[in-house]
C-alpha atoms as a PDB file:
ATOM      1  CA  MET A   1    -148.938 -83.693  73.306  1.00  0.00           C
ATOM      2  CA  PHE A   2    -145.940 -83.920  70.362  1.00  0.00           C
ATOM      3  CA  THR A   3    -146.483 -86.490  67.709  1.00  0.00           C
ATOM      4  CA  LYS A   4    -143.947 -87.803  65.541  1.00  0.00           C
ATOM      5  CA  SER A   5    -145.483 -85.733  62.614  1.00  0.00           C
ATOM      6  CA  LEU A   6    -146.134 -82.618  64.313  1.00  0.00           C
ATOM      7  CA  PHE A   7    -142.133 -82.698  65.098  1.00  0.00           C
ATOM      8  CA  LYS A   8    -141.478 -83.491  61.756  1.00  0.00           C
ATOM      9  CA  LYS A   9    -143.331 -80.634  60.732  1.00  0.00           C
ATOM     10  CA  LEU A  10    -141.750 -77.613  63.394  1.00  0.00           C
ATOM     11  CA  THR A  11    -138.466 -79.278  62.398  1.00  0.00           C
ATOM     12  CA  ILE A  12    -138.772 -78.099  58.968  1.00  0.00           C
ATOM     13  CA  VAL A  13    -140.582 -74.884  60.337  1.00  0.00           C
ATOM     14  CA  THR A  14    -137.477 -74.027  61.910  1.00  0.00           C
ATOM     15  CA  LEU A  15    -134.972 -75.001  59.262  1.00  0.00           C
ATOM     16  CA  LEU A  16    -137.729 -72.939  56.956  1.00  0.00           C
ATOM     17  CA  ILE A  17    -137.296 -69.789  59.127  1.00  0.00           C
ATOM     18  CA  THR A  18    -133.282 -70.447  59.907  1.00  0.00           C
ATOM     19  CA  PHE A  19    -133.111 -70.247  56.063  1.00  0.00           C
ATOM     20  CA  MET A  20    -135.155 -67.416  55.433  1.00  0.00           C
ATOM     21  CA  THR A  21    -133.564 -65.260  58.148  1.00  0.00           C
ATOM     22  CA  GLY A  22    -130.057 -66.108  57.676  1.00  0.00           C
ATOM     23  CA  CYS A  23    -130.507 -64.720  54.328  1.00  0.00           C
ATOM     24  CA  ALA A  24    -132.164 -61.646  54.995  1.00  0.00           C
ATOM     25  CA  ALA A  25    -128.950 -60.934  57.373  1.00  0.00           C
ATOM     26  CA  THR A  26    -126.693 -62.139  54.556  1.00  0.00           C
ATOM     27  CA  HIS A  27    -128.084 -59.496  52.372  1.00  0.00           C
ATOM     28  CA  THR A  28    -128.061 -56.770  54.995  1.00  0.00           C
ATOM     29  CA  ALA A  29    -124.274 -57.839  56.031  1.00  0.00           C
ATOM     30  CA  ILE A  30    -123.458 -57.803  51.838  1.00  0.00           C
ATOM     31  CA  SER A  31    -125.504 -54.698  50.630  1.00  0.00           C
ATOM     32  CA  LYS A  32    -124.261 -52.250  53.640  1.00  0.00           C
ATOM     33  CA  ARG A  33    -120.923 -53.275  53.724  1.00  0.00           C
ATOM     34  CA  GLU A  34    -119.679 -50.056  53.132  1.00  0.00           C
ATOM     35  CA  LEU A  35    -120.127 -46.878  55.013  1.00  0.00           C
ATOM     36  CA  ASP A  36    -122.498 -44.635  53.157  1.00  0.00           C
ATOM     37  CA  VAL A  37    -122.501 -40.932  54.329  1.00  0.00           C
ATOM     38  CA  GLN A  38    -124.618 -38.467  52.415  1.00  0.00           C
ATOM     39  CA  THR A  39    -125.522 -34.694  53.425  1.00  0.00           C
ATOM     40  CA  LYS A  40    -128.222 -32.339  52.251  1.00  0.00           C
ATOM     41  CA  THR A  41    -129.688 -28.905  52.936  1.00  0.00           C
ATOM     42  CA  SER A  42    -132.926 -28.228  53.582  1.00  0.00           C
ATOM     43  CA  THR A  43    -132.462 -24.484  51.755  1.00  0.00           C
ATOM     44  CA  ALA A  44    -129.628 -23.264  49.700  1.00  0.00           C
ATOM     45  CA  VAL A  45    -127.337 -20.533  50.652  1.00  0.00           C
ATOM     46  CA  PHE A  46    -125.929 -17.738  49.140  1.00  0.00           C
ATOM     47  CA  VAL A  47    -123.871 -14.654  50.651  1.00  0.00           C
ATOM     48  CA  ASP A  48    -123.332 -11.955  48.803  1.00  0.00           C
ATOM     49  CA  PRO A  49    -119.812 -11.892  47.543  1.00  0.00           C
ATOM     50  CA  VAL A  50    -117.334  -9.280  49.265  1.00  0.00           C
ATOM     51  CA  SER A  51    -114.027  -7.654  49.231  1.00  0.00           C
ATOM     52  CA  LYS A  52    -110.830  -9.393  49.786  1.00  0.00           C
ATOM     53  CA  ASP A  53    -110.515  -7.808  53.012  1.00  0.00           C
ATOM     54  CA  LYS A  54    -113.960  -8.506  54.381  1.00  0.00           C
ATOM     55  CA  ARG A  55    -113.754 -12.465  53.845  1.00  0.00           C
ATOM     56  CA  THR A  56    -114.103 -12.903  57.707  1.00  0.00           C
ATOM     57  CA  ILE A  57    -116.042 -15.385  59.471  1.00  0.00           C
ATOM     58  CA  TYR A  58    -116.686 -15.663  63.307  1.00  0.00           C
ATOM     59  CA  LEU A  59    -117.417 -18.975  63.813  1.00  0.00           C
ATOM     60  CA  ASP A  60    -120.025 -20.315  67.156  1.00  0.00           C
ATOM     61  CA  VAL A  61    -120.568 -23.838  67.305  1.00  0.00           C
ATOM     62  CA  LYS A  62    -123.515 -24.946  70.084  1.00  0.00           C
ATOM     63  CA  SER A  63    -124.890 -28.229  71.068  1.00  0.00           C
ATOM     64  CA  GLY A  64    -126.540 -29.969  74.155  1.00  0.00           C
ATOM     65  CA  VAL A  65    -125.760 -33.331  72.672  1.00  0.00           C
ATOM     66  CA  MET A  66    -123.786 -35.127  74.580  1.00  0.00           C
ATOM     67  CA  GLU A  67    -122.340 -37.322  72.114  1.00  0.00           C
ATOM     68  CA  PHE A  68    -121.100 -34.627  69.750  1.00  0.00           C
ATOM     69  CA  ASP A  69    -117.564 -33.714  70.137  1.00  0.00           C
ATOM     70  CA  ARG A  70    -117.663 -29.645  69.339  1.00  0.00           C
ATOM     71  CA  ARG A  71    -114.021 -28.908  69.672  1.00  0.00           C
ATOM     72  CA  GLU A  72    -113.776 -31.589  67.136  1.00  0.00           C
ATOM     73  CA  PHE A  73    -116.281 -30.835  64.876  1.00  0.00           C
ATOM     74  CA  LYS A  74    -114.789 -26.749  64.861  1.00  0.00           C
ATOM     75  CA  ARG A  75    -111.226 -28.582  63.749  1.00  0.00           C
ATOM     76  CA  PHE A  76    -112.968 -29.802  60.386  1.00  0.00           C
ATOM     77  CA  LEU A  77    -114.978 -26.555  60.082  1.00  0.00           C
ATOM     78  CA  LYS A  78    -111.398 -24.745  60.675  1.00  0.00           C
ATOM     79  CA  THR A  79    -109.692 -27.286  58.496  1.00  0.00           C
ATOM     80  CA  GLU A  80    -112.216 -26.804  55.552  1.00  0.00           C
ATOM     81  CA  PHE A  81    -112.468 -23.088  55.703  1.00  0.00           C
ATOM     82  CA  ALA A  82    -108.544 -22.967  55.298  1.00  0.00           C
ATOM     83  CA  GLN A  83    -108.829 -25.053  52.354  1.00  0.00           C
ATOM     84  CA  ASN A  84    -112.047 -22.723  51.097  1.00  0.00           C
ATOM     85  CA  ASP A  85    -110.435 -21.613  47.302  1.00  0.00           C
ATOM     86  CA  ASN A  86    -112.318 -17.656  47.848  1.00  0.00           C
ATOM     87  CA  GLY A  87    -110.433 -16.861  50.495  1.00  0.00           C
ATOM     88  CA  TYR A  88    -112.389 -16.549  53.479  1.00  0.00           C
ATOM     89  CA  LYS A  89    -111.302 -17.406  56.968  1.00  0.00           C
ATOM     90  CA  ILE A  90    -112.002 -17.799  60.650  1.00  0.00           C
ATOM     91  CA  ILE A  91    -111.364 -15.131  62.958  1.00  0.00           C
ATOM     92  CA  ASP A  92    -111.842 -15.035  66.689  1.00  0.00           C
ATOM     93  CA  ASP A  93    -113.395 -11.194  66.936  1.00  0.00           C
ATOM     94  CA  PRO A  94    -117.428 -11.563  66.201  1.00  0.00           C
ATOM     95  CA  ASP A  95    -117.455  -7.072  66.112  1.00  0.00           C
ATOM     96  CA  ALA A  96    -114.404  -7.384  63.219  1.00  0.00           C
ATOM     97  CA  ALA A  97    -116.103 -10.489  61.681  1.00  0.00           C
ATOM     98  CA  GLN A  98    -117.820  -9.474  58.216  1.00  0.00           C
ATOM     99  CA  PHE A  99    -120.049 -12.759  58.651  1.00  0.00           C
ATOM    100  CA  GLN A 100    -120.720 -14.406  61.784  1.00  0.00           C
ATOM    101  CA  MET A 101    -121.931 -18.405  61.412  1.00  0.00           C
ATOM    102  CA  ILE A 102    -123.957 -19.384  64.684  1.00  0.00           C
ATOM    103  CA  VAL A 103    -124.369 -23.659  64.683  1.00  0.00           C
ATOM    104  CA  TYR A 104    -126.307 -25.806  66.593  1.00  0.00           C
ATOM    105  CA  VAL A 105    -126.311 -29.285  66.533  1.00  0.00           C
ATOM    106  CA  LEU A 106    -129.842 -30.717  67.522  1.00  0.00           C
ATOM    107  CA  ASN A 107    -128.811 -34.611  67.079  1.00  0.00           C
ATOM    108  CA  LEU A 108    -125.958 -36.657  66.534  1.00  0.00           C
ATOM    109  CA  GLU A 109    -127.842 -40.255  67.259  1.00  0.00           C
ATOM    110  CA  LYS A 110    -129.347 -43.412  65.895  1.00  0.00           C
ATOM    111  CA  ALA A 111    -132.370 -42.710  63.508  1.00  0.00           C
ATOM    112  CA  SER A 112    -134.386 -44.629  60.337  1.00  0.00           C
ATOM    113  CA  PRO A 113    -134.016 -42.669  57.025  1.00  0.00           C
ATOM    114  CA  SER A 114    -137.687 -41.325  57.461  1.00  0.00           C
ATOM    115  CA  ALA A 115    -136.354 -39.835  60.321  1.00  0.00           C
ATOM    116  CA  ALA A 116    -133.774 -38.091  58.442  1.00  0.00           C
ATOM    117  CA  GLU A 117    -135.846 -36.631  55.705  1.00  0.00           C
ATOM    118  CA  SER A 118    -138.380 -35.859  58.192  1.00  0.00           C
ATOM    119  CA  ALA A 119    -135.920 -33.564  59.857  1.00  0.00           C
ATOM    120  CA  LEU A 120    -134.386 -32.326  57.066  1.00  0.00           C
ATOM    121  CA  GLY A 121    -138.198 -31.348  55.472  1.00  0.00           C
ATOM    122  CA  ARG A 122    -138.880 -29.003  58.767  1.00  0.00           C
ATOM    123  CA  GLY A 123    -135.953 -26.942  57.735  1.00  0.00           C
ATOM    124  CA  PHE A 124    -134.567 -24.331  60.371  1.00  0.00           C
ATOM    125  CA  VAL A 125    -136.139 -24.578  63.636  1.00  0.00           C
ATOM    126  CA  GLY A 126    -133.846 -22.686  66.357  1.00  0.00           C
ATOM    127  CA  GLY A 127    -147.326 -57.040  61.485  1.00  0.00           C
ATOM    128  CA  VAL A 128    -147.325 -60.589  61.624  1.00  0.00           C
ATOM    129  CA  GLY A 129    -143.964 -62.354  61.885  1.00  0.00           C
ATOM    130  CA  THR A 130    -142.650 -65.034  59.943  1.00  0.00           C
ATOM    131  CA  GLY A 131    -142.862 -67.417  62.236  1.00  0.00           C
ATOM    132  CA  ALA A 132    -146.293 -66.808  62.914  1.00  0.00           C
ATOM    133  CA  VAL A 133    -147.210 -67.651  59.370  1.00  0.00           C
ATOM    134  CA  ALA A 134    -145.651 -70.744  59.429  1.00  0.00           C
ATOM    135  CA  GLY A 135    -146.930 -72.039  61.927  1.00  0.00           C
ATOM    136  CA  ALA A 136    -150.496 -71.626  61.016  1.00  0.00           C
ATOM    137  CA  VAL A 137    -149.447 -72.696  57.070  1.00  0.00           C
ATOM    138  CA  ILE A 138    -148.067 -76.216  58.203  1.00  0.00           C
ATOM    139  CA  GLY A 139    -150.040 -76.633  61.812  1.00  0.00           C
ATOM    140  CA  GLY A 140    -153.431 -77.206  59.702  1.00  0.00           C
ATOM    141  CA  ARG A 141    -156.966 -76.529  60.668  1.00  0.00           C
ATOM    142  CA  HIS A 142    -157.184 -78.439  63.183  1.00  0.00           C
ATOM    143  CA  ALA A 143    -153.863 -77.341  64.955  1.00  0.00           C
ATOM    144  CA  TYR A 144    -154.209 -73.580  63.866  1.00  0.00           C
ATOM    145  CA  GLY A 145    -153.664 -72.195  67.357  1.00  0.00           C
ATOM    146  CA  ARG A 146    -150.730 -74.756  68.597  1.00  0.00           C
ATOM    147  CA  GLY A 147    -148.621 -74.757  65.291  1.00  0.00           C
ATOM    148  CA  ALA A 148    -149.267 -70.936  65.268  1.00  0.00           C
ATOM    149  CA  ALA A 149    -147.983 -70.131  68.594  1.00  0.00           C
ATOM    150  CA  ILE A 150    -144.954 -73.007  68.551  1.00  0.00           C
ATOM    151  CA  GLY A 151    -144.024 -71.649  65.136  1.00  0.00           C
ATOM    152  CA  GLY A 152    -144.054 -68.452  66.309  1.00  0.00           C
ATOM    153  CA  LEU A 153    -142.345 -68.644  69.122  1.00  0.00           C
ATOM    154  CA  LEU A 154    -139.428 -70.354  67.171  1.00  0.00           C
ATOM    155  CA  GLY A 155    -139.757 -67.882  64.275  1.00  0.00           C
ATOM    156  CA  GLY A 156    -139.067 -65.082  67.144  1.00  0.00           C
ATOM    157  CA  ILE A 157    -135.968 -66.791  68.473  1.00  0.00           C
ATOM    158  CA  VAL A 158    -134.152 -67.304  64.946  1.00  0.00           C
ATOM    159  CA  SER A 159    -135.027 -63.690  64.025  1.00  0.00           C
ATOM    160  CA  THR A 160    -133.962 -62.250  67.475  1.00  0.00           C
ATOM    161  CA  VAL A 161    -130.279 -64.123  66.937  1.00  0.00           C
ATOM    162  CA  ALA A 162    -130.184 -63.203  63.535  1.00  0.00           C
ATOM    163  CA  ASP A 163    -130.616 -59.183  63.791  1.00  0.00           C
ATOM    164  CA  ALA A 164    -128.493 -59.280  66.902  1.00  0.00           C
ATOM    165  CA  ALA A 165    -125.958 -60.533  64.676  1.00  0.00           C
ATOM    166  CA  VAL A 166    -126.438 -58.340  61.165  1.00  0.00           C
ATOM    167  CA  LYS A 167    -128.124 -54.934  62.014  1.00  0.00           C
ATOM    168  CA  ASP A 168    -128.782 -52.235  59.279  1.00  0.00           C
ATOM    169  CA  VAL A 169    -127.895 -48.872  61.173  1.00  0.00           C
ATOM    170  CA  THR A 170    -128.165 -44.930  60.689  1.00  0.00           C
ATOM    171  CA  TYR A 171    -126.764 -42.479  62.389  1.00  0.00           C
ATOM    172  CA  MET A 172    -128.012 -39.007  61.794  1.00  0.00           C
ATOM    173  CA  LEU A 173    -126.683 -35.677  62.610  1.00  0.00           C
ATOM    174  CA  VAL A 174    -129.097 -32.724  62.436  1.00  0.00           C
ATOM    175  CA  ALA A 175    -127.408 -29.021  62.590  1.00  0.00           C
ATOM    176  CA  ASP A 176    -129.315 -25.552  62.225  1.00  0.00           C
ATOM    177  CA  VAL A 177    -127.459 -22.967  60.549  1.00  0.00           C
ATOM    178  CA  GLN A 178    -127.583 -18.957  60.997  1.00  0.00           C
ATOM    179  CA  ILE A 179    -125.632 -16.867  58.675  1.00  0.00           C
ATOM    180  CA  LYS A 180    -125.300 -12.856  60.024  1.00  0.00           C
ATOM    181  CA  GLU A 181    -123.521 -11.044  57.271  1.00  0.00           C
ATOM    182  CA  LYS A 182    -122.952  -6.926  58.350  1.00  0.00           C
ATOM    183  CA  ALA A 183    -125.200  -4.955  56.122  1.00  0.00           C
ATOM    184  CA  ALA A 184    -123.376  -2.376  53.446  1.00  0.00           C
ATOM    185  CA  LYS A 185    -123.198   1.195  54.952  1.00  0.00           C
ATOM    186  CA  GLY A 186    -126.313   3.302  54.629  1.00  0.00           C
ATOM    187  CA  VAL A 187    -128.279   0.010  54.211  1.00  0.00           C
ATOM    188  CA  ILE A 188    -130.544  -0.921  56.960  1.00  0.00           C
ATOM    189  CA  VAL A 189    -132.192  -4.233  57.275  1.00  0.00           C
ATOM    190  CA  ARG A 190    -136.294  -4.344  58.242  1.00  0.00           C
ATOM    191  CA  LYS A 191    -137.090  -7.554  60.257  1.00  0.00           C
ATOM    192  CA  ASP A 192    -140.420  -8.394  60.737  1.00  0.00           C
ATOM    193  CA  THR A 193    -141.721 -10.995  62.839  1.00  0.00           C
ATOM    194  CA  LYS A 194    -145.188 -12.203  63.552  1.00  0.00           C
ATOM    195  CA  ILE A 195    -146.423 -13.118  66.859  1.00  0.00           C
ATOM    196  CA  ASP A 196    -149.613 -15.133  66.984  1.00  0.00           C
ATOM    197  CA  SER A 197    -151.200 -15.527  70.317  1.00  0.00           C
ATOM    198  CA  LYS A 198    -154.950 -17.229  71.894  1.00  0.00           C
ATOM    199  CA  VAL A 199    -156.109 -14.368  74.144  1.00  0.00           C
ATOM    200  CA  SER A 200    -159.808 -16.813  74.964  1.00  0.00           C
ATOM    201  CA  ASP A 201    -161.645 -19.292  73.252  1.00  0.00           C
ATOM    202  CA  ALA A 202    -163.576 -16.652  70.481  1.00  0.00           C
ATOM    203  CA  GLY A 203    -160.288 -16.073  68.616  1.00  0.00           C
ATOM    204  CA  THR A 204    -156.580 -14.877  68.564  1.00  0.00           C
ATOM    205  CA  SER A 205    -154.682 -12.006  68.111  1.00  0.00           C
ATOM    206  CA  THR A 206    -151.443 -11.445  65.882  1.00  0.00           C
ATOM    207  CA  GLN A 207    -148.673  -9.202  66.483  1.00  0.00           C
ATOM    208  CA  THR A 208    -146.107  -7.864  64.253  1.00  0.00           C
ATOM    209  CA  VAL A 209    -143.077  -6.515  65.596  1.00  0.00           C
ATOM    210  CA  SER A 210    -140.364  -4.739  63.148  1.00  0.00           C
ATOM    211  CA  GLU A 211    -137.123  -4.167  64.108  1.00  0.00           C
ATOM    212  CA  ALA A 212    -133.913  -2.531  61.875  1.00  0.00           C
ATOM    213  CA  LEU A 213    -130.825  -4.069  61.958  1.00  0.00           C
ATOM    214  CA  THR A 214    -127.606  -3.711  60.347  1.00  0.00           C
ATOM    215  CA  LYS A 215    -127.085  -7.448  59.655  1.00  0.00           C
ATOM    216  CA  LYS A 216    -128.767  -9.835  57.134  1.00  0.00           C
ATOM    217  CA  GLU A 217    -129.138 -12.899  58.161  1.00  0.00           C
ATOM    218  CA  TYR A 218    -129.685 -16.255  56.329  1.00  0.00           C
ATOM    219  CA  ARG A 219    -131.126 -19.744  57.856  1.00  0.00           C
ATOM    220  CA  THR A 220    -130.942 -23.470  56.891  1.00  0.00           C
ATOM    221  CA  ARG A 221    -130.519 -26.688  58.393  1.00  0.00           C
ATOM    222  CA  ILE A 222    -127.960 -29.603  57.336  1.00  0.00           C
ATOM    223  CA  VAL A 223    -128.798 -33.297  58.020  1.00  0.00           C
ATOM    224  CA  THR A 224    -125.929 -36.036  57.443  1.00  0.00           C
ATOM    225  CA  THR A 225    -126.540 -39.736  57.637  1.00  0.00           C
ATOM    226  CA  ALA A 226    -124.487 -42.300  57.938  1.00  0.00           C
ATOM    227  CA  ASN A 227    -125.390 -45.769  57.089  1.00  0.00           C
ATOM    228  CA  LYS A 228    -124.178 -49.246  57.427  1.00  0.00           C
ATOM    229  CA  ALA A 229    -124.337 -52.786  59.060  1.00  0.00           C
ATOM    230  CA  ASN A 230    -123.613 -52.697  62.301  1.00  0.00           C
ATOM    231  CA  LEU A 231    -122.657 -49.160  62.477  1.00  0.00           C
ATOM    232  CA  GLU A 232    -120.689 -47.823  65.379  1.00  0.00           C
ATOM    233  CA  LEU A 233    -121.001 -44.393  65.669  1.00  0.00           C
ATOM    234  CA  SER A 234    -117.025 -44.106  66.352  1.00  0.00           C
ATOM    235  CA  GLU A 235    -116.558 -45.522  62.741  1.00  0.00           C
ATOM    236  CA  ALA A 236    -118.309 -42.655  60.823  1.00  0.00           C
ATOM    237  CA  GLN A 237    -118.087 -39.663  62.819  1.00  0.00           C
ATOM    238  CA  GLN A 238    -114.749 -37.865  61.129  1.00  0.00           C
ATOM    239  CA  LEU A 239    -116.613 -38.420  57.953  1.00  0.00           C
ATOM    240  CA  MET A 240    -119.674 -37.268  58.957  1.00  0.00           C
ATOM    241  CA  PHE A 241    -117.979 -33.951  60.632  1.00  0.00           C
ATOM    242  CA  SER A 242    -116.182 -33.840  57.399  1.00  0.00           C
ATOM    243  CA  LYS A 243    -118.921 -34.335  54.864  1.00  0.00           C
ATOM    244  CA  THR A 244    -120.889 -31.390  57.397  1.00  0.00           C
ATOM    245  CA  ALA A 245    -118.201 -29.041  57.243  1.00  0.00           C
ATOM    246  CA  TYR A 246    -117.691 -29.050  53.617  1.00  0.00           C
ATOM    247  CA  ALA A 247    -121.330 -28.462  53.349  1.00  0.00           C
ATOM    248  CA  MET A 248    -120.991 -25.551  55.448  1.00  0.00           C
ATOM    249  CA  SER A 249    -117.942 -23.865  53.909  1.00  0.00           C
ATOM    250  CA  GLY A 250    -119.637 -24.312  50.428  1.00  0.00           C
ATOM    251  CA  PHE A 251    -122.071 -21.469  51.604  1.00  0.00           C
ATOM    252  CA  PHE A 252    -119.390 -18.687  51.231  1.00  0.00           C
END
């Protein structure tokens, strides 16, 4: 049963929570009002310099992500290479091209900053709520359970409304990049691959497979993030594509 004193205390709690959550939402809206897009590479790639007539690249972009517009991304890549001051150009013949660049986009989705750092670190891969605390403090020793429960409910409602109004949103694009370069005439590239397999509970077996190739390989991962309050993918996608494409063209 509510008393006037308890009602007054709950009113104060509600106002306090509203103020705190409102301040948090306002801070997010102000500090995250500008779109921030950043691109990072897991490993630097340095392709060997070649003569002008060999500065050709065959581009292959793959993805199983429905939200990823492959045609649009290829357009950005072609634009970046057209502006490349080193004279590299994209051609449609994989046999004639000196380089092949295969791009596989694994993710284009909402994510946390820590998830983006974790994805970059992996490299190429082919509490108690405000309402509950306030309720416990103001409810006092005799009304701990009741005050905490009511305060928690009010705090949860107000926080949910504030969170719905202003959200700190991050989108992440993860792309694995493999570059193959024709080796110079007379040069044989040896590739050793180790395969570990369990043969029994007693131990494992290791196999080493050696191949003679005519192409050198470079592998890296690019992670691009876009962050803003209440961000929608359509707002960030073009700049994310542009910065990712710029990073890829910078390998040449």
